[in-house]
Structures are given as C-alpha cells and as structure tokens.
C-alpha cells in the first residue's frame, strides 16, 4: 500500500511538472499584451493652430491599451489634450504602427521608444519619448 501511494505521488508530481512547463509560452509576442502600456518620457508638444502652443523637453505620455485590443489611448502631461482610440497594427517584431500612417500622422511604439507626429483638424501633437 505504501508503494502504491509513493508511485501515485511520483506520477502526480510528474504530471504537474509537465503541465507547468507546457503552459509556458516562449513565442508570446509583447505586441499582443500590454507590453507597450506605460509611461514614456521625453520631449512633447501640442499646437492647436491658434493661440495654444505647448512644448517641453521633460514631458510624459501615459499609454493605455483599451478593450478592443488594437486601440490605444495617449495621455499627455503639461495640459496637452489626450489622443484616444488610435488604432494600431503590428509591424515586424515587437513594433506597433498606427493604422493609416501618413507623412503628417504617424505614431510608432516599440519596446523602448514612442514617436508621435499626429495632425487632426488643424491640431498637432508630437512626442519623442523613451522609457
């Protein structure tokens, strides 16, 4: 009876070990996770085409992935209005680029860097930040 309990214990330990090892994923792409979410710091600016112009070399942008899984929100410091619901696609390994990027609207995120040149309705946001 004692031998049966030992054998069952060894099989259970082996089963749990195999299950734990096989559940780890080495090919998990950070672009599919909240890898890009967080605070990026550096130079940021905003111009509304009129009287408001904000620029700082010590600003920050807080990036948040929203429920859709492909859209992100960008919360700027220093009173700069936020950019919300910007849709992205994966380009290469661990890089996100805004869908519909053009010469005047471009947002790119990789594991250490955030670059923004975004124009909409006469308003322009820029960011050159790292984390």
N, C-alpha and C. Protein backbone atom coordinates (compact mmCIF):
# COMPACT_ATOMS: atom_id res chain seq x y z
N UNK A 1 0.81 -1.19 0.00
CA UNK A 1 0.00 0.00 0.00
C UNK A 1 0.86 1.26 0.00
N UNK A 2 1.94 1.23 0.80
CA UNK A 2 2.84 2.38 0.85
C UNK A 2 3.50 2.60 -0.51
N UNK A 3 3.86 1.52 -1.19
CA UNK A 3 4.47 1.64 -2.51
C UNK A 3 3.49 2.24 -3.52
N UNK A 4 2.22 1.89 -3.43
CA UNK A 4 1.20 2.43 -4.33
C UNK A 4 1.04 3.93 -4.12
N UNK A 5 1.05 4.39 -2.88
CA UNK A 5 0.95 5.83 -2.58
C UNK A 5 2.17 6.56 -3.11
N UNK A 6 3.37 5.99 -2.96
CA UNK A 6 4.59 6.61 -3.47
C UNK A 6 4.54 6.72 -5.00
N UNK A 7 4.10 5.65 -5.65
CA UNK A 7 4.03 5.65 -7.12
C UNK A 7 3.01 6.69 -7.60
N UNK A 8 1.85 6.75 -6.96
CA UNK A 8 0.84 7.75 -7.33
C UNK A 8 1.36 9.17 -7.09
N UNK A 9 2.10 9.37 -6.00
CA UNK A 9 2.69 10.68 -5.70
C UNK A 9 3.70 11.10 -6.76
N UNK A 10 4.53 10.16 -7.21
CA UNK A 10 5.52 10.45 -8.25
C UNK A 10 4.81 10.80 -9.56
N UNK A 11 3.76 10.04 -9.92
CA UNK A 11 3.01 10.33 -11.14
C UNK A 11 2.32 11.70 -11.08
N UNK A 12 1.78 12.06 -9.93
CA UNK A 12 1.14 13.37 -9.78
C UNK A 12 2.18 14.49 -9.92
N UNK A 13 3.34 14.30 -9.30
CA UNK A 13 4.41 15.29 -9.40
C UNK A 13 4.87 15.43 -10.85
N UNK A 14 5.04 14.32 -11.54
CA UNK A 14 5.44 14.34 -12.94
C UNK A 14 4.38 15.03 -13.80
N UNK A 15 3.11 14.73 -13.55
CA UNK A 15 2.01 15.35 -14.30
C UNK A 15 1.99 16.87 -14.10
N UNK A 16 2.13 17.31 -12.86
CA UNK A 16 2.13 18.75 -12.58
C UNK A 16 3.34 19.44 -13.20
N UNK A 17 4.49 18.80 -13.19
CA UNK A 17 5.69 19.37 -13.79
C UNK A 17 5.51 19.54 -15.30
N UNK A 18 5.02 18.50 -15.97
CA UNK A 18 4.81 18.56 -17.42
C UNK A 18 3.77 19.62 -17.77
N UNK A 19 2.70 19.70 -17.00
CA UNK A 19 1.65 20.69 -17.25
C UNK A 19 2.19 22.11 -17.09
N UNK A 20 2.98 22.34 -16.06
CA UNK A 20 3.53 23.67 -15.82
C UNK A 20 4.49 24.09 -16.93
N UNK A 21 5.36 23.20 -17.33
CA UNK A 21 6.33 23.51 -18.38
C UNK A 21 5.63 23.74 -19.71
N UNK A 22 4.66 22.94 -20.05
CA UNK A 22 4.00 23.08 -21.34
C UNK A 22 3.08 24.30 -21.40
N UNK A 23 2.68 24.85 -20.27
CA UNK A 23 1.80 26.02 -20.29
C UNK A 23 2.58 27.31 -20.49
N UNK A 24 3.89 27.30 -20.35
CA UNK A 24 4.70 28.49 -20.60
C UNK A 24 4.86 28.67 -22.10
N UNK A 25 4.74 29.91 -22.55
CA UNK A 25 4.81 30.18 -23.97
C UNK A 25 6.03 31.04 -24.29
N UNK A 26 6.97 30.50 -25.06
CA UNK A 26 8.15 31.25 -25.46
C UNK A 26 7.87 32.18 -26.63
N UNK A 27 6.82 31.91 -27.40
CA UNK A 27 6.54 32.70 -28.59
C UNK A 27 5.44 33.72 -28.35
N UNK A 28 5.26 34.12 -27.12
CA UNK A 28 4.26 35.12 -26.77
C UNK A 28 4.76 36.49 -27.19
N UNK A 29 4.13 37.12 -28.17
CA UNK A 29 4.55 38.39 -28.71
C UNK A 29 4.07 39.53 -27.82
N UNK A 30 4.96 40.39 -27.35
CA UNK A 30 4.55 41.51 -26.50
C UNK A 30 3.53 42.43 -27.16
N UNK A 31 3.49 42.48 -28.48
CA UNK A 31 2.51 43.32 -29.17
C UNK A 31 1.09 42.86 -28.89
N UNK A 32 0.92 41.62 -28.47
CA UNK A 32 -0.41 41.10 -28.15
C UNK A 32 -0.78 41.33 -26.69
N UNK A 33 0.13 41.84 -25.91
CA UNK A 33 -0.09 42.06 -24.48
C UNK A 33 -0.15 43.55 -24.18
N UNK A 34 -0.02 43.88 -22.92
CA UNK A 34 0.04 45.27 -22.52
C UNK A 34 1.49 45.75 -22.43
N UNK A 35 2.34 45.13 -23.21
CA UNK A 35 3.77 45.41 -23.19
C UNK A 35 4.07 46.89 -23.45
N UNK A 36 3.31 47.53 -24.34
CA UNK A 36 3.57 48.91 -24.70
C UNK A 36 2.92 49.90 -23.75
N UNK A 37 2.03 49.43 -22.90
CA UNK A 37 1.37 50.32 -21.94
C UNK A 37 2.39 50.78 -20.91
N UNK A 38 2.25 52.03 -20.51
CA UNK A 38 3.14 52.58 -19.51
C UNK A 38 3.49 54.01 -19.82
N UNK A 39 4.45 54.55 -19.07
CA UNK A 39 4.84 55.94 -19.20
C UNK A 39 6.12 56.08 -20.01
N UNK A 40 6.07 56.94 -21.00
CA UNK A 40 7.22 57.29 -21.83
C UNK A 40 7.56 58.74 -21.51
N UNK A 41 8.85 59.05 -21.39
CA UNK A 41 9.28 60.41 -21.00
C UNK A 41 10.20 60.98 -22.07
N UNK A 42 10.04 62.29 -22.31
CA UNK A 42 10.90 62.98 -23.29
C UNK A 42 10.26 64.26 -23.75
N UNK A 43 10.56 64.66 -24.98
CA UNK A 43 10.02 65.92 -25.49
C UNK A 43 8.63 65.69 -26.10
N UNK A 44 7.70 66.57 -25.74
CA UNK A 44 6.34 66.52 -26.25
C UNK A 44 5.90 67.93 -26.61
N UNK A 45 4.96 68.03 -27.55
CA UNK A 45 4.44 69.35 -27.90
C UNK A 45 3.02 69.22 -28.44
N UNK A 46 2.35 70.37 -28.45
CA UNK A 46 0.98 70.45 -28.96
C UNK A 46 0.75 71.86 -29.49
N UNK A 47 0.08 71.95 -30.63
CA UNK A 47 -0.29 73.24 -31.20
C UNK A 47 -1.68 73.09 -31.79
N UNK A 48 -2.59 73.99 -31.38
CA UNK A 48 -3.97 73.89 -31.88
C UNK A 48 -4.21 74.73 -33.13
N UNK A 49 -3.14 75.28 -33.70
CA UNK A 49 -3.27 76.10 -34.90
C UNK A 49 -3.72 77.52 -34.59
N UNK A 50 -3.87 77.83 -33.33
CA UNK A 50 -4.31 79.17 -32.92
C UNK A 50 -3.44 79.69 -31.80
N UNK A 51 -4.06 79.96 -30.68
CA UNK A 51 -3.35 80.60 -29.56
C UNK A 51 -2.65 79.62 -28.62
N UNK A 52 -2.96 78.34 -28.70
CA UNK A 52 -2.37 77.38 -27.77
C UNK A 52 -1.18 76.66 -28.40
N UNK A 53 -0.05 76.80 -27.75
CA UNK A 53 1.17 76.11 -28.16
C UNK A 53 1.90 75.68 -26.89
N UNK A 54 2.07 74.39 -26.70
CA UNK A 54 2.72 73.84 -25.51
C UNK A 54 3.89 72.98 -25.98
N UNK A 55 5.05 73.15 -25.35
CA UNK A 55 6.22 72.36 -25.71
C UNK A 55 7.11 72.20 -24.48
N UNK A 56 7.59 70.99 -24.24
CA UNK A 56 8.50 70.73 -23.13
C UNK A 56 9.43 69.57 -23.47
N UNK A 57 10.63 69.63 -22.96
CA UNK A 57 11.58 68.54 -23.14
C UNK A 57 11.50 67.52 -22.00
N UNK A 58 10.72 67.84 -20.95
CA UNK A 58 10.61 66.96 -19.79
C UNK A 58 9.18 66.51 -19.58
N UNK A 59 8.47 66.17 -20.65
CA UNK A 59 7.09 65.74 -20.55
C UNK A 59 6.97 64.23 -20.48
N UNK A 60 5.73 63.79 -20.43
CA UNK A 60 5.48 62.35 -20.40
C UNK A 60 4.19 62.04 -21.14
N UNK A 61 4.13 60.80 -21.62
CA UNK A 61 2.93 60.29 -22.28
C UNK A 61 2.63 58.94 -21.64
N UNK A 62 1.42 58.81 -21.09
CA UNK A 62 0.99 57.54 -20.50
C UNK A 62 0.16 56.79 -21.54
N UNK A 63 0.63 55.62 -21.96
CA UNK A 63 -0.01 54.82 -23.00
C UNK A 63 -0.84 53.73 -22.35
N UNK A 64 -2.11 53.61 -22.80
CA UNK A 64 -3.02 52.61 -22.27
C UNK A 64 -3.65 51.84 -23.42
N UNK A 65 -3.62 50.53 -23.32
CA UNK A 65 -4.30 49.67 -24.30
C UNK A 65 -5.75 49.54 -23.87
N UNK A 66 -6.69 49.78 -24.82
CA UNK A 66 -8.10 49.70 -24.45
C UNK A 66 -8.69 48.37 -24.86
N UNK A 67 -9.91 48.12 -24.47
CA UNK A 67 -10.55 46.80 -24.54
C UNK A 67 -10.57 46.18 -25.93
N UNK A 68 -10.56 46.96 -26.98
CA UNK A 68 -10.65 46.39 -28.32
C UNK A 68 -9.43 45.54 -28.66
N UNK A 69 -8.31 45.81 -28.00
CA UNK A 69 -7.09 45.05 -28.23
C UNK A 69 -6.20 45.64 -29.30
N UNK A 70 -6.73 46.49 -30.18
CA UNK A 70 -5.91 47.10 -31.23
C UNK A 70 -5.87 48.62 -31.09
N UNK A 71 -6.56 49.17 -30.12
CA UNK A 71 -6.61 50.62 -29.93
C UNK A 71 -5.91 51.03 -28.64
N UNK A 72 -5.30 52.21 -28.70
CA UNK A 72 -4.57 52.75 -27.56
C UNK A 72 -4.99 54.18 -27.28
N UNK A 73 -4.86 54.59 -26.02
CA UNK A 73 -5.06 55.96 -25.60
C UNK A 73 -3.71 56.53 -25.17
N UNK A 74 -3.52 57.84 -25.44
CA UNK A 74 -2.28 58.53 -25.10
C UNK A 74 -2.62 59.74 -24.23
N UNK A 75 -2.23 59.68 -22.96
CA UNK A 75 -2.49 60.78 -22.02
C UNK A 75 -1.19 61.57 -21.85
N UNK A 76 -1.21 62.82 -22.31
CA UNK A 76 -0.04 63.68 -22.26
C UNK A 76 0.00 64.48 -20.96
N UNK A 77 1.20 64.82 -20.52
CA UNK A 77 1.36 65.71 -19.37
C UNK A 77 1.29 67.16 -19.84
N UNK A 78 1.45 68.08 -18.91
CA UNK A 78 1.59 69.51 -19.19
C UNK A 78 0.38 70.14 -19.88
N UNK A 79 -0.81 69.61 -19.63
CA UNK A 79 -2.03 70.21 -20.16
C UNK A 79 -2.29 69.95 -21.63
N UNK A 80 -1.55 69.05 -22.23
CA UNK A 80 -1.76 68.70 -23.64
C UNK A 80 -2.95 67.75 -23.73
N UNK A 81 -3.89 68.03 -24.63
CA UNK A 81 -5.06 67.15 -24.76
C UNK A 81 -4.65 65.71 -25.13
N UNK A 82 -5.44 64.76 -24.66
CA UNK A 82 -5.16 63.34 -24.90
C UNK A 82 -5.55 62.95 -26.33
N UNK A 83 -4.91 61.91 -26.82
CA UNK A 83 -5.31 61.24 -28.06
C UNK A 83 -5.93 59.91 -27.65
N UNK A 84 -7.16 59.66 -28.05
CA UNK A 84 -7.86 58.45 -27.62
C UNK A 84 -8.34 57.62 -28.79
N UNK A 85 -8.32 56.31 -28.62
CA UNK A 85 -8.87 55.38 -29.60
C UNK A 85 -8.08 55.28 -30.89
N UNK A 86 -6.76 55.43 -30.82
CA UNK A 86 -5.92 55.32 -32.01
C UNK A 86 -5.67 53.84 -32.29
N UNK A 87 -5.95 53.42 -33.52
CA UNK A 87 -5.85 52.00 -33.88
C UNK A 87 -4.47 51.69 -34.45
N UNK A 88 -3.95 50.51 -34.06
CA UNK A 88 -2.60 50.10 -34.44
C UNK A 88 -2.59 48.73 -35.11
N UNK A 89 -1.49 48.49 -35.85
CA UNK A 89 -1.22 47.17 -36.40
C UNK A 89 0.24 46.85 -36.10
N UNK A 90 0.54 45.57 -36.04
CA UNK A 90 1.89 45.14 -35.74
C UNK A 90 2.73 45.19 -37.00
N UNK A 91 3.94 45.74 -36.88
CA UNK A 91 4.92 45.79 -37.97
C UNK A 91 6.20 45.16 -37.47
N UNK A 92 6.59 44.06 -38.06
CA UNK A 92 7.81 43.39 -37.64
C UNK A 92 7.67 42.83 -36.24
N UNK A 93 8.80 42.60 -35.62
CA UNK A 93 8.82 42.06 -34.27
C UNK A 93 8.70 43.17 -33.24
N UNK A 94 7.68 43.09 -32.40
CA UNK A 94 7.53 43.96 -31.24
C UNK A 94 7.45 45.45 -31.56
N UNK A 95 6.80 45.80 -32.66
CA UNK A 95 6.60 47.20 -33.02
C UNK A 95 5.16 47.40 -33.45
N UNK A 96 4.55 48.48 -32.98
CA UNK A 96 3.21 48.85 -33.38
C UNK A 96 3.27 50.15 -34.16
N UNK A 97 2.53 50.22 -35.27
CA UNK A 97 2.44 51.43 -36.07
C UNK A 97 0.97 51.76 -36.25
N UNK A 98 0.65 53.04 -36.16
CA UNK A 98 -0.73 53.49 -36.30
C UNK A 98 -1.27 53.12 -37.68
N UNK A 99 -2.49 52.61 -37.72
CA UNK A 99 -3.16 52.31 -38.99
C UNK A 99 -3.47 53.63 -39.67
N UNK A 100 -3.16 53.72 -40.94
CA UNK A 100 -3.40 54.94 -41.69
C UNK A 100 -2.30 55.96 -41.54
N UNK A 101 -1.09 55.52 -41.18
CA UNK A 101 0.03 56.44 -41.02
C UNK A 101 0.32 57.14 -42.35
N UNK A 102 0.59 58.44 -42.26
CA UNK A 102 0.99 59.23 -43.42
C UNK A 102 2.15 60.12 -42.99
N UNK A 103 2.57 61.00 -43.87
CA UNK A 103 3.66 61.90 -43.53
C UNK A 103 3.27 62.88 -42.43
N UNK A 104 1.97 63.17 -42.28
CA UNK A 104 1.53 64.13 -41.26
C UNK A 104 0.86 63.48 -40.07
N UNK A 105 0.68 62.19 -40.09
CA UNK A 105 0.08 61.47 -38.96
C UNK A 105 0.80 60.15 -38.79
N UNK A 106 1.58 60.07 -37.75
CA UNK A 106 2.42 58.88 -37.55
C UNK A 106 2.63 58.65 -36.07
N UNK A 107 2.31 57.45 -35.60
CA UNK A 107 2.62 57.05 -34.22
C UNK A 107 3.26 55.67 -34.29
N UNK A 108 4.40 55.55 -33.66
CA UNK A 108 5.12 54.28 -33.65
C UNK A 108 5.58 53.99 -32.23
N UNK A 109 5.34 52.75 -31.79
CA UNK A 109 5.74 52.31 -30.45
C UNK A 109 6.56 51.05 -30.60
N UNK A 110 7.72 51.01 -29.95
CA UNK A 110 8.42 49.73 -29.80
C UNK A 110 8.74 49.56 -28.32
N UNK A 111 9.58 48.60 -27.98
CA UNK A 111 9.71 48.28 -26.56
C UNK A 111 10.33 49.39 -25.72
N UNK A 112 11.05 50.35 -26.32
CA UNK A 112 11.68 51.41 -25.55
C UNK A 112 11.35 52.81 -26.02
N UNK A 113 10.63 52.95 -27.12
CA UNK A 113 10.52 54.27 -27.74
C UNK A 113 9.10 54.56 -28.23
N UNK A 114 8.69 55.81 -28.11
CA UNK A 114 7.41 56.29 -28.61
C UNK A 114 7.68 57.52 -29.47
N UNK A 115 7.22 57.48 -30.73
CA UNK A 115 7.37 58.60 -31.66
C UNK A 115 5.99 58.98 -32.15
N UNK A 116 5.64 60.27 -32.02
CA UNK A 116 4.33 60.75 -32.46
C UNK A 116 4.51 62.01 -33.29
N UNK A 117 3.88 62.04 -34.45
CA UNK A 117 3.63 63.24 -35.23
C UNK A 117 2.21 63.06 -35.74
N UNK A 118 1.26 63.69 -35.07
CA UNK A 118 -0.15 63.44 -35.35
C UNK A 118 -0.87 64.77 -35.58
N UNK A 119 -1.49 64.91 -36.74
CA UNK A 119 -2.26 66.11 -37.07
C UNK A 119 -3.70 65.73 -37.35
N UNK A 120 -4.61 66.51 -36.76
CA UNK A 120 -6.03 66.28 -36.95
C UNK A 120 -6.76 67.59 -36.74
N UNK A 121 -7.57 67.97 -37.71
CA UNK A 121 -8.39 69.18 -37.62
C UNK A 121 -7.58 70.41 -37.24
N UNK A 122 -6.39 70.55 -37.83
CA UNK A 122 -5.55 71.71 -37.57
C UNK A 122 -4.76 71.66 -36.28
N UNK A 123 -4.88 70.59 -35.52
CA UNK A 123 -4.15 70.42 -34.26
C UNK A 123 -3.02 69.43 -34.48
N UNK A 124 -1.89 69.68 -33.82
CA UNK A 124 -0.72 68.82 -34.00
C UNK A 124 -0.14 68.40 -32.66
N UNK A 125 0.08 67.11 -32.49
CA UNK A 125 0.73 66.53 -31.31
C UNK A 125 2.06 65.94 -31.77
N UNK A 126 3.11 66.10 -30.97
CA UNK A 126 4.38 65.43 -31.24
C UNK A 126 4.92 64.84 -29.94
N UNK A 127 5.69 63.79 -30.09
CA UNK A 127 6.37 63.20 -28.94
C UNK A 127 7.60 62.44 -29.45
N UNK A 128 8.67 62.58 -28.72
CA UNK A 128 9.89 61.81 -28.95
C UNK A 128 10.33 61.36 -27.57
N UNK A 129 9.84 60.18 -27.17
CA UNK A 129 10.00 59.73 -25.78
C UNK A 129 10.59 58.34 -25.69
N UNK A 130 11.18 58.06 -24.54
CA UNK A 130 11.72 56.73 -24.23
C UNK A 130 11.25 56.34 -22.83
N UNK A 131 11.48 55.06 -22.50
CA UNK A 131 11.20 54.63 -21.13
C UNK A 131 12.32 53.78 -20.61
